[in-house]
C-alpha atoms as a PDB file:
ATOM      1  CA  UNK A   1       6.592 -15.724  44.367  1.00  0.00           C
ATOM      2  CA  UNK A   2       6.213 -13.571  41.307  1.00  0.00           C
ATOM      3  CA  UNK A   3       3.066 -11.605  40.626  1.00  0.00           C
ATOM      4  CA  UNK A   4       2.131 -10.408  37.159  1.00  0.00           C
ATOM      5  CA  UNK A   5      -0.311  -7.522  37.264  1.00  0.00           C
ATOM      6  CA  UNK A   6      -1.084  -6.594  33.698  1.00  0.00           C
ATOM      7  CA  UNK A   7      -3.415  -3.675  33.266  1.00  0.00           C
ATOM      8  CA  UNK A   8      -6.562  -5.059  31.683  1.00  0.00           C
ATOM      9  CA  UNK A   9      -8.366  -1.767  31.262  1.00  0.00           C
ATOM     10  CA  UNK A  10      -8.565  -2.843  27.622  1.00  0.00           C
ATOM     11  CA  UNK A  11      -9.693  -6.366  28.459  1.00  0.00           C
ATOM     12  CA  UNK A  12     -13.038  -7.863  29.332  1.00  0.00           C
ATOM     13  CA  UNK A  13     -11.829  -9.292  32.609  1.00  0.00           C
ATOM     14  CA  UNK A  14      -9.283  -8.199  35.180  1.00  0.00           C
ATOM     15  CA  UNK A  15      -6.512 -10.586  36.119  1.00  0.00           C
ATOM     16  CA  UNK A  16      -3.989 -11.015  38.903  1.00  0.00           C
ATOM     17  CA  UNK A  17      -1.807 -13.994  38.160  1.00  0.00           C
ATOM     18  CA  UNK A  18       0.484 -15.608  40.715  1.00  0.00           C
ATOM     19  CA  UNK A  19       3.133 -18.010  39.471  1.00  0.00           C
ATOM     20  CA  UNK A  20       5.455 -19.752  41.909  1.00  0.00           C
ATOM     21  CA  UNK A  21       8.525 -21.398  40.433  1.00  0.00           C
ATOM     22  CA  UNK A  22      10.646 -21.638  43.566  1.00  0.00           C
ATOM     23  CA  UNK A  23      10.523 -21.130  47.314  1.00  0.00           C
ATOM     24  CA  UNK A  24      10.129 -17.385  47.829  1.00  0.00           C
ATOM     25  CA  UNK A  25      12.575 -17.536  50.726  1.00  0.00           C
ATOM     26  CA  UNK A  26      15.250 -19.247  48.627  1.00  0.00           C
ATOM     27  CA  UNK A  27      18.145 -17.468  46.967  1.00  0.00           C
ATOM     28  CA  UNK A  28      16.885 -16.866  43.422  1.00  0.00           C
ATOM     29  CA  UNK A  29      20.437 -16.840  42.118  1.00  0.00           C
ATOM     30  CA  UNK A  30      20.907 -20.431  43.313  1.00  0.00           C
ATOM     31  CA  UNK A  31      17.521 -21.857  42.350  1.00  0.00           C
ATOM     32  CA  UNK A  32      17.458 -24.235  39.376  1.00  0.00           C
ATOM     33  CA  UNK A  33      14.077 -23.813  37.706  1.00  0.00           C
ATOM     34  CA  UNK A  34      12.583 -24.793  34.374  1.00  0.00           C
ATOM     35  CA  UNK A  35      12.552 -21.668  32.221  1.00  0.00           C
ATOM     36  CA  UNK A  36      10.176 -23.397  29.765  1.00  0.00           C
ATOM     37  CA  UNK A  37       7.684 -24.623  32.378  1.00  0.00           C
ATOM     38  CA  UNK A  38       4.688 -22.752  30.898  1.00  0.00           C
ATOM     39  CA  UNK A  39       5.374 -23.174  27.182  1.00  0.00           C
ATOM     40  CA  UNK A  40       4.240 -26.157  25.109  1.00  0.00           C
ATOM     41  CA  UNK A  41       5.827 -29.485  25.999  1.00  0.00           C
ATOM     42  CA  UNK A  42       7.546 -31.285  23.136  1.00  0.00           C
ATOM     43  CA  UNK A  43       7.204 -35.022  22.519  1.00  0.00           C
ATOM     44  CA  UNK A  44      10.071 -37.313  23.423  1.00  0.00           C
ATOM     45  CA  UNK A  45      11.342 -38.702  20.100  1.00  0.00           C
ATOM     46  CA  UNK A  46      14.477 -40.423  21.390  1.00  0.00           C
ATOM     47  CA  UNK A  47      13.000 -43.887  20.704  1.00  0.00           C
ATOM     48  CA  UNK A  48      12.367 -43.173  17.014  1.00  0.00           C
ATOM     49  CA  UNK A  49      14.553 -43.368  13.897  1.00  0.00           C
ATOM     50  CA  UNK A  50      13.609 -39.894  12.675  1.00  0.00           C
ATOM     51  CA  UNK A  51      15.519 -39.255   9.433  1.00  0.00           C
ATOM     52  CA  UNK A  52      18.500 -41.550   9.988  1.00  0.00           C
ATOM     53  CA  UNK A  53      18.428 -44.313   7.430  1.00  0.00           C
ATOM     54  CA  UNK A  54      14.898 -45.272   6.357  1.00  0.00           C
ATOM     55  CA  UNK A  55      12.295 -42.965   7.983  1.00  0.00           C
ATOM     56  CA  UNK A  56       9.452 -44.886   9.607  1.00  0.00           C
ATOM     57  CA  UNK A  57       6.487 -43.032   8.150  1.00  0.00           C
ATOM     58  CA  UNK A  58       4.215 -45.615   9.724  1.00  0.00           C
ATOM     59  CA  UNK A  59       4.816 -43.870  13.042  1.00  0.00           C
ATOM     60  CA  UNK A  60       3.933 -40.230  12.501  1.00  0.00           C
ATOM     61  CA  UNK A  61       4.168 -39.355  16.181  1.00  0.00           C
ATOM     62  CA  UNK A  62       7.834 -38.544  15.547  1.00  0.00           C
ATOM     63  CA  UNK A  63       6.976 -35.952  12.870  1.00  0.00           C
ATOM     64  CA  UNK A  64       5.131 -33.065  14.505  1.00  0.00           C
ATOM     65  CA  UNK A  65       6.490 -29.815  13.057  1.00  0.00           C
ATOM     66  CA  UNK A  66       6.045 -26.376  14.505  1.00  0.00           C
ATOM     67  CA  UNK A  67       3.305 -24.741  12.420  1.00  0.00           C
ATOM     68  CA  UNK A  68       3.229 -21.013  11.766  1.00  0.00           C
ATOM     69  CA  UNK A  69       0.046 -19.010  11.457  1.00  0.00           C
ATOM     70  CA  UNK A  70      -1.430 -19.139  14.968  1.00  0.00           C
ATOM     71  CA  UNK A  71      -1.055 -16.095  17.178  1.00  0.00           C
ATOM     72  CA  UNK A  72      -2.815 -13.513  19.335  1.00  0.00           C
ATOM     73  CA  UNK A  73      -1.945  -9.866  19.904  1.00  0.00           C
ATOM     74  CA  UNK A  74      -3.271  -8.284  23.105  1.00  0.00           C
ATOM     75  CA  UNK A  75      -3.270  -4.643  24.204  1.00  0.00           C
ATOM     76  CA  UNK A  76      -2.331  -4.599  27.885  1.00  0.00           C
ATOM     77  CA  UNK A  77      -1.905  -0.846  28.266  1.00  0.00           C
ATOM     78  CA  UNK A  78      -2.689   2.345  26.340  1.00  0.00           C
ATOM     79  CA  UNK A  79      -0.885   5.694  26.626  1.00  0.00           C
ATOM     80  CA  UNK A  80      -2.397   7.740  29.410  1.00  0.00           C
ATOM     81  CA  UNK A  81      -2.684  10.887  27.306  1.00  0.00           C
ATOM     82  CA  UNK A  82      -4.754   8.963  24.732  1.00  0.00           C
ATOM     83  CA  UNK A  83      -7.057   7.588  27.437  1.00  0.00           C
ATOM     84  CA  UNK A  84      -7.514  11.078  28.876  1.00  0.00           C
ATOM     85  CA  UNK A  85      -8.294  12.539  25.441  1.00  0.00           C
ATOM     86  CA  UNK A  86     -10.901   9.796  24.943  1.00  0.00           C
ATOM     87  CA  UNK A  87     -12.612  10.768  28.200  1.00  0.00           C
ATOM     88  CA  UNK A  88     -12.828  14.376  27.061  1.00  0.00           C
ATOM     89  CA  UNK A  89     -13.809  13.992  23.421  1.00  0.00           C
ATOM     90  CA  UNK A  90     -16.407  11.516  22.114  1.00  0.00           C
ATOM     91  CA  UNK A  91     -14.810  11.275  18.662  1.00  0.00           C
ATOM     92  CA  UNK A  92     -11.426  10.438  20.161  1.00  0.00           C
ATOM     93  CA  UNK A  93     -13.124   7.842  22.365  1.00  0.00           C
ATOM     94  CA  UNK A  94     -14.669   6.179  19.319  1.00  0.00           C
ATOM     95  CA  UNK A  95     -11.351   6.401  17.466  1.00  0.00           C
ATOM     96  CA  UNK A  96      -9.389   4.843  20.348  1.00  0.00           C
ATOM     97  CA  UNK A  97     -11.822   1.976  20.839  1.00  0.00           C
ATOM     98  CA  UNK A  98     -12.011   1.141  17.147  1.00  0.00           C
ATOM     99  CA  UNK A  99      -8.236   1.355  16.719  1.00  0.00           C
ATOM    100  CA  UNK A 100      -7.719  -1.006  19.646  1.00  0.00           C
ATOM    101  CA  UNK A 101     -10.400  -3.377  18.373  1.00  0.00           C
ATOM    102  CA  UNK A 102      -8.889  -3.568  14.878  1.00  0.00           C
ATOM    103  CA  UNK A 103      -5.351  -3.941  16.247  1.00  0.00           C
ATOM    104  CA  UNK A 104      -6.295  -7.000  18.308  1.00  0.00           C
ATOM    105  CA  UNK A 105      -8.796  -8.633  15.969  1.00  0.00           C
ATOM    106  CA  UNK A 106      -7.590  -8.038  12.435  1.00  0.00           C
ATOM    107  CA  UNK A 107      -3.796  -8.123  12.222  1.00  0.00           C
ATOM    108  CA  UNK A 108      -2.565 -10.082   9.215  1.00  0.00           C
ATOM    109  CA  UNK A 109       1.072 -10.347  10.217  1.00  0.00           C
ATOM    110  CA  UNK A 110       3.472  -9.510  13.036  1.00  0.00           C
ATOM    111  CA  UNK A 111       7.161  -8.918  12.404  1.00  0.00           C
ATOM    112  CA  UNK A 112      10.219  -7.727  14.282  1.00  0.00           C
ATOM    113  CA  UNK A 113      11.409 -10.606  16.476  1.00  0.00           C
ATOM    114  CA  UNK A 114      15.106 -11.385  16.167  1.00  0.00           C
ATOM    115  CA  UNK A 115      17.276 -14.439  16.782  1.00  0.00           C
ATOM    116  CA  UNK A 116      19.492 -14.807  19.826  1.00  0.00           C
ATOM    117  CA  UNK A 117      23.137 -14.679  18.741  1.00  0.00           C
ATOM    118  CA  UNK A 118      26.646 -15.036  20.081  1.00  0.00           C
ATOM    119  CA  UNK A 119      29.861 -13.086  19.627  1.00  0.00           C
ATOM    120  CA  UNK A 120      33.171 -14.919  19.816  1.00  0.00           C
ATOM    121  CA  UNK A 121      36.789 -14.262  20.579  1.00  0.00           C
ATOM    122  CA  UNK A 122      39.687 -16.086  19.008  1.00  0.00           C
ATOM    123  CA  UNK A 123      42.140 -18.164  21.054  1.00  0.00           C
ATOM    124  CA  UNK A 124      45.362 -19.618  19.672  1.00  0.00           C
ATOM    125  CA  UNK A 125      48.790 -18.891  18.339  1.00  0.00           C
ATOM    126  CA  UNK A 126      49.857 -17.307  15.073  1.00  0.00           C
ATOM    127  CA  UNK A 127      49.254 -20.536  13.182  1.00  0.00           C
ATOM    128  CA  UNK A 128      46.098 -22.031  14.718  1.00  0.00           C
ATOM    129  CA  UNK A 129      43.084 -20.656  16.507  1.00  0.00           C
ATOM    130  CA  UNK A 130      39.655 -21.532  17.851  1.00  0.00           C
ATOM    131  CA  UNK A 131      36.647 -19.295  18.410  1.00  0.00           C
ATOM    132  CA  UNK A 132      34.803 -19.402  21.757  1.00  0.00           C
ATOM    133  CA  UNK A 133      31.722 -17.542  22.901  1.00  0.00           C
ATOM    134  CA  UNK A 134      32.499 -14.312  24.673  1.00  0.00           C
ATOM    135  CA  UNK A 135      29.083 -12.703  24.661  1.00  0.00           C
ATOM    136  CA  UNK A 136      25.461 -13.738  24.080  1.00  0.00           C
ATOM    137  CA  UNK A 137      23.139 -11.145  22.542  1.00  0.00           C
ATOM    138  CA  UNK A 138      19.387 -10.969  22.935  1.00  0.00           C
ATOM    139  CA  UNK A 139      17.076  -8.519  21.224  1.00  0.00           C
ATOM    140  CA  UNK A 140      16.565  -5.232  23.047  1.00  0.00           C
ATOM    141  CA  UNK A 141      15.250  -1.950  21.608  1.00  0.00           C
ATOM    142  CA  UNK A 142      13.618  -2.881  18.302  1.00  0.00           C
ATOM    143  CA  UNK A 143      11.028  -1.929  15.729  1.00  0.00           C
ATOM    144  CA  UNK A 144       7.971  -4.136  15.281  1.00  0.00           C
ATOM    145  CA  UNK A 145       5.224  -4.034  12.697  1.00  0.00           C
ATOM    146  CA  UNK A 146       1.683  -5.272  12.143  1.00  0.00           C
ATOM    147  CA  UNK A 147      -0.140  -5.205   8.807  1.00  0.00           C
ATOM    148  CA  UNK A 148      -3.809  -4.405   8.190  1.00  0.00           C
ATOM    149  CA  UNK A 149      -6.204  -3.407   5.448  1.00  0.00           C
ATOM    150  CA  UNK A 150      -7.217   0.170   6.239  1.00  0.00           C
ATOM    151  CA  UNK A 151     -10.946   0.757   6.567  1.00  0.00           C
ATOM    152  CA  UNK A 152     -13.005   3.502   5.004  1.00  0.00           C
ATOM    153  CA  UNK A 153     -12.757   6.515   7.270  1.00  0.00           C
ATOM    154  CA  UNK A 154      -9.076   5.695   7.979  1.00  0.00           C
ATOM    155  CA  UNK A 155      -9.275   4.836  11.714  1.00  0.00           C
ATOM    156  CA  UNK A 156      -5.772   3.323  11.865  1.00  0.00           C
ATOM    157  CA  UNK A 157      -4.159   6.262  10.076  1.00  0.00           C
ATOM    158  CA  UNK A 158      -6.113   8.883  12.015  1.00  0.00           C
ATOM    159  CA  UNK A 159      -5.188   7.316  15.351  1.00  0.00           C
ATOM    160  CA  UNK A 160      -1.486   7.233  14.455  1.00  0.00           C
ATOM    161  CA  UNK A 161      -1.654  10.875  13.373  1.00  0.00           C
ATOM    162  CA  UNK A 162      -3.412  11.834  16.635  1.00  0.00           C
ATOM    163  CA  UNK A 163      -0.815   9.966  18.682  1.00  0.00           C
ATOM    164  CA  UNK A 164       2.302  11.281  16.943  1.00  0.00           C
ATOM    165  CA  UNK A 165       1.185  14.899  16.605  1.00  0.00           C
ATOM    166  CA  UNK A 166       0.231  14.972  20.301  1.00  0.00           C
ATOM    167  CA  UNK A 167       3.696  13.875  21.382  1.00  0.00           C
ATOM    168  CA  UNK A 168       5.420  16.411  19.137  1.00  0.00           C
ATOM    169  CA  UNK A 169       3.647  18.851  16.869  1.00  0.00           C
ATOM    170  CA  UNK A 170       5.214  18.166  13.444  1.00  0.00           C
ATOM    171  CA  UNK A 171       5.435  21.895  12.588  1.00  0.00           C
ATOM    172  CA  UNK A 172       6.498  23.369  15.928  1.00  0.00           C
ATOM    173  CA  UNK A 173       8.014  20.285  17.669  1.00  0.00           C
ATOM    174  CA  UNK A 174       6.174  21.293  20.869  1.00  0.00           C
ATOM    175  CA  UNK A 175       4.772  18.531  23.092  1.00  0.00           C
ATOM    176  CA  UNK A 176       1.159  19.424  23.855  1.00  0.00           C
ATOM    177  CA  UNK A 177      -0.932  16.201  24.085  1.00  0.00           C
ATOM    178  CA  UNK A 178      -3.613  18.092  22.140  1.00  0.00           C
ATOM    179  CA  UNK A 179      -4.281  20.561  24.946  1.00  0.00           C
ATOM    180  CA  UNK A 180      -3.743  18.363  28.009  1.00  0.00           C
ATOM    181  CA  UNK A 181      -0.278  19.779  28.758  1.00  0.00           C
ATOM    182  CA  UNK A 182      -1.003  23.492  28.436  1.00  0.00           C
ATOM    183  CA  UNK A 183      -4.302  23.202  30.317  1.00  0.00           C
ATOM    184  CA  UNK A 184      -2.344  21.618  33.177  1.00  0.00           C
ATOM    185  CA  UNK A 185      -4.359  18.402  33.033  1.00  0.00           C
ATOM    186  CA  UNK A 186      -1.339  16.147  32.453  1.00  0.00           C
ATOM    187  CA  UNK A 187       2.361  16.672  32.950  1.00  0.00           C
ATOM    188  CA  UNK A 188       4.395  15.571  29.904  1.00  0.00           C
ATOM    189  CA  UNK A 189       6.540  12.476  30.225  1.00  0.00           C
ATOM    190  CA  UNK A 190       7.449   9.291  28.391  1.00  0.00           C
ATOM    191  CA  UNK A 191       5.445   7.301  30.923  1.00  0.00           C
ATOM    192  CA  UNK A 192       2.257   8.879  29.534  1.00  0.00           C
ATOM    193  CA  UNK A 193       3.053   7.994  25.918  1.00  0.00           C
ATOM    194  CA  UNK A 194       3.700   4.250  25.853  1.00  0.00           C
ATOM    195  CA  UNK A 195       1.723   1.131  24.990  1.00  0.00           C
ATOM    196  CA  UNK A 196       2.168  -2.325  26.472  1.00  0.00           C
ATOM    197  CA  UNK A 197       1.430  -5.279  24.192  1.00  0.00           C
ATOM    198  CA  UNK A 198       1.428  -9.050  24.606  1.00  0.00           C
ATOM    199  CA  UNK A 199       2.260 -11.180  21.562  1.00  0.00           C
ATOM    200  CA  UNK A 200       1.511 -14.903  21.810  1.00  0.00           C
ATOM    201  CA  UNK A 201       2.541 -17.542  19.271  1.00  0.00           C
ATOM    202  CA  UNK A 202       0.528 -20.727  19.810  1.00  0.00           C
ATOM    203  CA  UNK A 203       0.363 -24.246  18.440  1.00  0.00           C
ATOM    204  CA  UNK A 204      -2.309 -25.230  15.915  1.00  0.00           C
ATOM    205  CA  UNK A 205      -4.899 -25.828  18.647  1.00  0.00           C
ATOM    206  CA  UNK A 206      -4.394 -22.328  20.086  1.00  0.00           C
ATOM    207  CA  UNK A 207      -4.338 -23.974  23.521  1.00  0.00           C
ATOM    208  CA  UNK A 208      -0.582 -24.227  23.995  1.00  0.00           C
ATOM    209  CA  UNK A 209       1.911 -21.357  24.006  1.00  0.00           C
ATOM    210  CA  UNK A 210       4.949 -21.819  21.790  1.00  0.00           C
ATOM    211  CA  UNK A 211       6.400 -18.437  22.743  1.00  0.00           C
ATOM    212  CA  UNK A 212       5.187 -15.205  24.336  1.00  0.00           C
ATOM    213  CA  UNK A 213       6.646 -11.699  24.374  1.00  0.00           C
ATOM    214  CA  UNK A 214       5.652  -8.776  26.542  1.00  0.00           C
ATOM    215  CA  UNK A 215       6.433  -5.629  24.554  1.00  0.00           C
ATOM    216  CA  UNK A 216       6.949  -2.680  26.876  1.00  0.00           C
ATOM    217  CA  UNK A 217       7.725   0.998  26.384  1.00  0.00           C
ATOM    218  CA  UNK A 218       6.119   0.875  22.945  1.00  0.00           C
ATOM    219  CA  UNK A 219       5.580   3.978  20.808  1.00  0.00           C
ATOM    220  CA  UNK A 220       4.046   4.240  17.344  1.00  0.00           C
ATOM    221  CA  UNK A 221       6.527   5.730  14.903  1.00  0.00           C
ATOM    222  CA  UNK A 222       4.639   6.294  11.657  1.00  0.00           C
ATOM    223  CA  UNK A 223       1.292   7.287  10.183  1.00  0.00           C
ATOM    224  CA  UNK A 224       0.768   6.050   6.625  1.00  0.00           C
ATOM    225  CA  UNK A 225      -0.401   9.343   5.106  1.00  0.00           C
ATOM    226  CA  UNK A 226       1.130   8.264   1.796  1.00  0.00           C
ATOM    227  CA  UNK A 227      -1.803   5.869   1.389  1.00  0.00           C
ATOM    228  CA  UNK A 228      -3.765   8.807  -0.034  1.00  0.00           C
ATOM    229  CA  UNK A 229      -1.556   9.086  -3.135  1.00  0.00           C
ATOM    230  CA  UNK A 230      -3.596   8.866  -6.326  1.00  0.00           C
ATOM    231  CA  UNK A 231      -3.161   7.220  -9.727  1.00  0.00           C
ATOM    232  CA  UNK A 232      -5.977   7.484 -12.260  1.00  0.00           C
ATOM    233  CA  UNK A 233      -7.563   4.096 -12.874  1.00  0.00           C
ATOM    234  CA  UNK A 234      -5.874   2.499  -9.865  1.00  0.00           C
ATOM    235  CA  UNK A 235      -8.812   1.361  -7.747  1.00  0.00           C
ATOM    236  CA  UNK A 236      -7.727  -0.849  -4.886  1.00  0.00           C
ATOM    237  CA  UNK A 237      -7.748  -1.308  -1.148  1.00  0.00           C
ATOM    238  CA  UNK A 238      -4.869   0.002   0.953  1.00  0.00           C
ATOM    239  CA  UNK A 239      -2.693  -2.080   3.228  1.00  0.00           C
ATOM    240  CA  UNK A 240      -1.158  -0.120   6.077  1.00  0.00           C
ATOM    241  CA  UNK A 241       1.672  -1.056   8.404  1.00  0.00           C
ATOM    242  CA  UNK A 242       1.397  -0.175  12.081  1.00  0.00           C
ATOM    243  CA  UNK A 243       5.021   0.297  13.154  1.00  0.00           C
ATOM    244  CA  UNK A 244       6.145   0.754  16.734  1.00  0.00           C
ATOM    245  CA  UNK A 245       9.345   0.651  18.719  1.00  0.00           C
ATOM    246  CA  UNK A 246       9.536  -1.248  21.979  1.00  0.00           C
ATOM    247  CA  UNK A 247      11.459  -3.533  24.300  1.00  0.00           C
ATOM    248  CA  UNK A 248      10.638  -7.269  24.158  1.00  0.00           C
ATOM    249  CA  UNK A 249      10.695  -9.411  27.302  1.00  0.00           C
ATOM    250  CA  UNK A 250      10.529 -13.190  27.554  1.00  0.00           C
ATOM    251  CA  UNK A 251      10.248 -15.159  30.792  1.00  0.00           C
ATOM    252  CA  UNK A 252       8.482 -18.149  32.326  1.00  0.00           C
ATOM    253  CA  UNK A 253       6.174 -15.712  34.110  1.00  0.00           C
ATOM    254  CA  UNK A 254       5.123 -14.166  30.803  1.00  0.00           C
ATOM    255  CA  UNK A 255       4.612 -17.642  29.319  1.00  0.00           C
ATOM    256  CA  UNK A 256       2.356 -18.503  32.265  1.00  0.00           C
ATOM    257  CA  UNK A 257       0.317 -15.333  31.856  1.00  0.00           C
ATOM    258  CA  UNK A 258       0.036 -15.946  28.103  1.00  0.00           C
ATOM    259  CA  UNK A 259      -1.124 -19.521  28.713  1.00  0.00           C
ATOM    260  CA  UNK A 260      -3.839 -18.297  31.061  1.00  0.00           C
ATOM    261  CA  UNK A 261      -4.802 -15.600  28.567  1.00  0.00           C
ATOM    262  CA  UNK A 262      -5.295 -18.157  25.788  1.00  0.00           C
ATOM    263  CA  UNK A 263      -7.319 -20.428  28.093  1.00  0.00           C
ATOM    264  CA  UNK A 264      -9.531 -17.468  28.898  1.00  0.00           C
ATOM    265  CA  UNK A 265      -9.957 -16.394  25.261  1.00  0.00           C
ATOM    266  CA  UNK A 266     -11.016 -19.914  24.291  1.00  0.00           C
ATOM    267  CA  UNK A 267     -13.591 -20.116  27.109  1.00  0.00           C
ATOM    268  CA  UNK A 268     -17.151 -18.822  27.298  1.00  0.00           C
ATOM    269  CA  UNK A 269     -15.997 -16.557  30.150  1.00  0.00           C
ATOM    270  CA  UNK A 270     -14.462 -14.338  27.469  1.00  0.00           C
ATOM    271  CA  UNK A 271     -17.929 -13.396  26.175  1.00  0.00           C
ATOM    272  CA  UNK A 272     -17.623 -11.462  22.929  1.00  0.00           C
ATOM    273  CA  UNK A 273     -13.819 -11.747  23.065  1.00  0.00           C
ATOM    274  CA  UNK A 274     -14.025 -15.542  22.797  1.00  0.00           C
ATOM    275  CA  UNK A 275     -12.058 -17.086  19.935  1.00  0.00           C
ATOM    276  CA  UNK A 276     -14.564 -19.286  18.064  1.00  0.00           C
ATOM    277  CA  UNK A 277     -12.672 -22.323  16.757  1.00  0.00           C
ATOM    278  CA  UNK A 278     -15.559 -24.555  15.619  1.00  0.00           C
ATOM    279  CA  UNK A 279     -17.333 -23.032  12.626  1.00  0.00           C
ATOM    280  CA  UNK A 280     -20.119 -25.610  12.913  1.00  0.00           C
ATOM    281  CA  UNK A 281     -21.159 -24.047  16.226  1.00  0.00           C
ATOM    282  CA  UNK A 282     -21.147 -20.439  15.052  1.00  0.00           C
ATOM    283  CA  UNK A 283     -24.380 -18.499  14.802  1.00  0.00           C
ATOM    284  CA  UNK A 284     -23.730 -16.495  11.646  1.00  0.00           C
ATOM    285  CA  UNK A 285     -25.627 -13.264  11.201  1.00  0.00           C
ATOM    286  CA  UNK A 286     -28.686 -14.087   9.126  1.00  0.00           C
ATOM    287  CA  UNK A 287     -29.138 -17.698  10.201  1.00  0.00           C
ATOM    288  CA  UNK A 288     -32.407 -16.839  11.924  1.00  0.00           C
ATOM    289  CA  UNK A 289     -33.761 -15.865   8.489  1.00  0.00           C
ATOM    290  CA  UNK A 290     -34.273 -19.601   7.858  1.00  0.00           C
ATOM    291  CA  UNK A 291     -36.807 -19.975  10.667  1.00  0.00           C
ATOM    292  CA  UNK A 292     -38.439 -16.665   9.752  1.00  0.00           C
ATOM    293  CA  UNK A 293     -38.927 -17.915   6.190  1.00  0.00           C
ATOM    294  CA  UNK A 294     -40.369 -21.201   7.471  1.00  0.00           C
ATOM    295  CA  UNK A 295     -42.867 -19.291   9.593  1.00  0.00           C
ATOM    296  CA  UNK A 296     -43.764 -17.137   6.596  1.00  0.00           C
ATOM    297  CA  UNK A 297     -44.452 -20.321   4.615  1.00  0.00           C
ATOM    298  CA  UNK A 298     -46.719 -21.603   7.356  1.00  0.00           C
ATOM    299  CA  UNK A 299     -44.257 -24.128   8.800  1.00  0.00           C
ATOM    300  CA  UNK A 300     -43.796 -24.249  12.569  1.00  0.00           C
ATOM    301  CA  UNK A 301     -40.027 -24.463  13.154  1.00  0.00           C
ATOM    302  CA  UNK A 302     -38.816 -26.727  15.952  1.00  0.00           C
ATOM    303  CA  UNK A 303     -36.683 -24.167  17.777  1.00  0.00           C
ATOM    304  CA  UNK A 304     -35.648 -26.681  20.413  1.00  0.00           C
ATOM    305  CA  UNK A 305     -34.042 -28.779  17.669  1.00  0.00           C
ATOM    306  CA  UNK A 306     -32.120 -25.849  16.229  1.00  0.00           C
ATOM    307  CA  UNK A 307     -30.787 -24.698  19.585  1.00  0.00           C
ATOM    308  CA  UNK A 308     -29.657 -28.181  20.626  1.00  0.00           C
ATOM    309  CA  UNK A 309     -26.491 -27.873  18.557  1.00  0.00           C
ATOM    310  CA  UNK A 310     -25.016 -25.323  20.940  1.00  0.00           C
ATOM    311  CA  UNK A 311     -24.862 -22.419  18.532  1.00  0.00           C
ATOM    312  CA  UNK A 312     -22.676 -19.603  19.776  1.00  0.00           C
ATOM    313  CA  UNK A 313     -24.441 -16.260  19.766  1.00  0.00           C
ATOM    314  CA  UNK A 314     -22.411 -13.967  17.539  1.00  0.00           C
ATOM    315  CA  UNK A 315     -23.849 -10.844  19.205  1.00  0.00           C
ATOM    316  CA  UNK A 316     -23.114 -11.915  22.779  1.00  0.00           C
ATOM    317  CA  UNK A 317     -22.117  -8.703  24.576  1.00  0.00           C
ATOM    318  CA  UNK A 318     -20.877  -7.437  21.228  1.00  0.00           C
ATOM    319  CA  UNK A 319     -20.282  -3.815  22.062  1.00  0.00           C
ATOM    320  CA  UNK A 320     -17.111  -1.876  22.608  1.00  0.00           C
ATOM    321  CA  UNK A 321     -17.970  -1.003  26.198  1.00  0.00           C
ATOM    322  CA  UNK A 322     -17.585  -4.677  27.083  1.00  0.00           C
ATOM    323  CA  UNK A 323     -14.010  -4.592  25.782  1.00  0.00           C
ATOM    324  CA  UNK A 324     -12.644  -1.219  26.729  1.00  0.00           C
ATOM    325  CA  UNK A 325     -13.057   0.979  29.762  1.00  0.00           C
ATOM    326  CA  UNK A 326     -11.548   4.363  30.465  1.00  0.00           C
ATOM    327  CA  UNK A 327     -10.205   5.662  33.750  1.00  0.00           C
ATOM    328  CA  UNK A 328      -7.542   8.085  34.871  1.00  0.00           C
ATOM    329  CA  UNK A 329      -5.824   5.381  36.906  1.00  0.00           C
ATOM    330  CA  UNK A 330      -3.185   3.928  34.641  1.00  0.00           C
ATOM    331  CA  UNK A 331      -1.240   0.867  35.730  1.00  0.00           C
ATOM    332  CA  UNK A 332       1.301  -0.975  33.634  1.00  0.00           C
END
């Protein structure tokens, strides 16, 4: 039995997920389990021609490509020193909540994943040789990046500056956590400085997980202060890159947790965090102006007719307190 306890202090709902892939009393080193059990199942195409000879385009079931462009990025844990600062300063609290909200909801790209590779050794004599695998390499410590359009007021840049300068003052190189260390409220340590993220790549329905990565021990490593450079006549928006280092983990347990996370985000249980996939059912801000105008004109709107289409309330629990909570108990 394997239990995944991911800290959901930045989620709308707590979760304890149990995933059993083998008898807990069995020797794990001898168990043969499906490492892809919780990722999307592929279609069996062994009875089709595919691209050999004349492709049978009358049977498109054999041509279902992996499509890019569908993903979710979830904050599973925030640095403890940031959470403690937010409890002690209202501006930092607002900054933390807005940073987290933008990070999850508005990323335009995610980059940093690497291919698995193999090293080889050469066997043979002086005339002939063959290469065989001697080592398989999987990504470990890496740098990842997310891209965003910075907002007026610079919340992404300010948060990165707060984070980095708290870990080491850029002029003195002293670790102070903006007063928490020297007021004896928090002992310094790497464990108080790291994020935990969950990246999920899905299929085009957003129901099935293609791949999921738990990114642990993550630290921001830049604040885009160069965005403030000026050129006369250059009036534009600014794209910023949120860069962080971390350690990526893949496993069937993480796939299972990611699958449950996507099921939750697509359900009404998610409240304001719900991913709305049907634009026809979305209650856009301003739609009630139609019925108000009808009333102004002397027409009695049939509200029962308008609500029968199952419109999704766009303001349902739409407040940061329903997403993010602060406490001194910090669990990865």
